[in-house]
Protein backbone atom coordinates (compact mmCIF):
# COMPACT_ATOMS: atom_id res chain seq x y z
CA UNK A 1 72.21 57.80 -86.66
CA UNK A 2 74.19 55.72 -84.33
CA UNK A 3 76.84 56.69 -82.08
CA UNK A 4 79.81 55.05 -83.50
CA UNK A 5 80.30 53.94 -87.09
CA UNK A 6 82.76 51.83 -88.53
CA UNK A 7 85.24 53.33 -90.78
CA UNK A 8 87.07 51.12 -93.12
CA UNK A 9 90.16 51.96 -95.54
CA UNK A 10 89.65 51.26 -99.24
CA UNK A 11 91.28 47.98 -99.14
CA UNK A 12 88.87 46.63 -96.49
CA UNK A 13 90.85 46.95 -93.53
CA UNK A 14 88.78 48.21 -90.33
CA UNK A 15 90.50 51.59 -89.33
CA UNK A 16 88.20 52.28 -86.20
CA UNK A 17 85.13 53.91 -85.16
CA UNK A 18 84.00 57.59 -85.31
CA UNK A 19 81.12 59.55 -84.46
CA UNK A 20 78.57 61.26 -86.73
CA UNK A 21 80.09 64.86 -86.39
CA UNK A 22 83.56 63.45 -87.35
CA UNK A 23 82.09 61.32 -90.19
CA UNK A 24 80.37 64.95 -91.57
CA UNK A 25 83.72 66.61 -91.11
CA UNK A 26 85.67 63.61 -93.01
CA UNK A 27 83.06 63.81 -95.83
CA UNK A 28 83.29 67.69 -96.14
CA UNK A 29 87.08 67.21 -96.38
CA UNK A 30 86.56 64.55 -99.46
CA UNK A 31 88.10 61.54 -97.25
CA UNK A 32 85.33 59.48 -97.38
CA UNK A 33 84.45 57.54 -100.93
CA UNK A 34 81.20 55.79 -99.80
CA UNK A 35 78.72 55.84 -97.27
CA UNK A 36 76.85 52.37 -96.49
CA UNK A 37 73.13 52.75 -95.19
CA UNK A 38 70.59 50.09 -94.27
CA UNK A 39 67.42 49.83 -96.08
CA UNK A 40 66.07 52.22 -93.49
CA UNK A 41 68.71 54.73 -93.98
CA UNK A 42 70.93 54.12 -91.08
CA UNK A 43 74.55 54.52 -91.57
CA UNK A 44 76.31 51.02 -91.20
CA UNK A 45 79.78 51.94 -92.39
CA UNK A 46 81.99 54.10 -94.25
CA UNK A 47 84.69 53.59 -96.77
CA UNK A 48 87.87 55.82 -97.14
CA UNK A 49 89.02 57.12 -100.46
CA UNK A 50 91.97 55.07 -101.50
CA UNK A 51 95.49 56.51 -100.66
CA UNK A 52 97.59 57.33 -103.57
CA UNK A 53 101.28 55.93 -103.91
CA UNK A 54 103.50 58.75 -101.68
CA UNK A 55 100.26 60.11 -99.92
CA UNK A 56 101.31 61.01 -96.48
CA UNK A 57 99.23 58.79 -93.75
CA UNK A 58 95.78 60.39 -92.33
CA UNK A 59 96.35 62.21 -89.21
CA UNK A 60 94.29 61.13 -86.42
CA UNK A 61 92.73 64.56 -85.89
CA UNK A 62 90.97 64.39 -89.31
CA UNK A 63 88.53 62.31 -87.40
CA UNK A 64 88.99 62.74 -83.91
CA UNK A 65 88.86 66.44 -83.75
CA UNK A 66 91.25 68.60 -82.08
CA UNK A 67 92.63 67.39 -78.59
CA UNK A 68 92.44 70.14 -76.13
CA UNK A 69 93.99 67.93 -73.18
CA UNK A 70 97.17 65.88 -73.48
CA UNK A 71 98.66 63.11 -71.14
CA UNK A 72 101.69 65.03 -69.00
CA UNK A 73 104.26 63.26 -67.79
CA UNK A 74 105.27 64.51 -64.47
CA UNK A 75 108.20 62.84 -61.63
CA UNK A 76 105.48 61.50 -59.60
CA UNK A 77 103.39 60.22 -62.35
CA UNK A 78 101.10 61.00 -65.15
CA UNK A 79 98.11 63.53 -65.21
CA UNK A 80 96.09 65.20 -67.99
CA UNK A 81 96.68 68.90 -68.64
CA UNK A 82 94.71 71.46 -70.77
CA UNK A 83 96.21 72.53 -74.11
CA UNK A 84 97.38 76.03 -74.27
CA UNK A 85 95.87 78.75 -76.11
CA UNK A 86 99.35 80.57 -76.92
CA UNK A 87 100.75 77.42 -78.32
CA UNK A 88 103.48 77.03 -75.70
CA UNK A 89 103.19 73.63 -73.75
CA UNK A 90 105.29 74.32 -70.91
CA UNK A 91 103.94 77.48 -69.63
CA UNK A 92 100.66 78.52 -67.39
CA UNK A 93 99.04 80.90 -70.03
CA UNK A 94 96.22 78.68 -70.92
CA UNK A 95 94.65 82.32 -71.96
CA UNK A 96 96.91 84.56 -74.05
CA UNK A 97 96.88 88.13 -73.36
CA UNK A 98 94.80 89.15 -76.12
CA UNK A 99 92.10 86.86 -75.22
CA UNK A 100 91.96 87.03 -71.31
CA UNK A 101 89.26 89.53 -71.36
CA UNK A 102 87.09 87.27 -73.28
CA UNK A 103 87.95 84.63 -71.35
CA UNK A 104 87.27 86.49 -67.67
CA UNK A 105 83.91 87.59 -69.30
CA UNK A 106 82.97 84.25 -69.97
CA UNK A 107 83.72 83.11 -66.56
CA UNK A 108 81.75 85.90 -64.89
CA UNK A 109 78.91 84.74 -67.02
CA UNK A 110 79.17 81.37 -65.53
CA UNK A 111 79.31 82.31 -61.95
CA UNK A 112 76.31 82.34 -60.18
CA UNK A 113 75.63 83.81 -56.65
CA UNK A 114 73.70 82.01 -53.85
CA UNK A 115 70.85 84.15 -54.16
CA UNK A 116 70.27 83.93 -57.77
CA UNK A 117 70.34 80.03 -57.67
CA UNK A 118 67.63 79.99 -55.00
């Protein structure tokens, strides 16, 4: 399966490219009308379901997935920042109190002492 699959609107306009996982998510959500394959079975392109009059535009997260980082504007320039799990954008609570023990357990399991590494 190719790494990037072109995706077209129902009217034939190219929307962009997506990965195989995003294509599977969109098919599961019923957003793909047809998948065009080569004779060998390789996916060449996907065509989205036509939008009906009055439908809202398709959100980017439908085929791009959830964003876990965002571009933050700071007085000295721009930088990337992580999305907070608690929902508040302007705090330092990356792990809310209810999930903090799980978060710390994962961090502890990822740490390797020098004696274990040798």
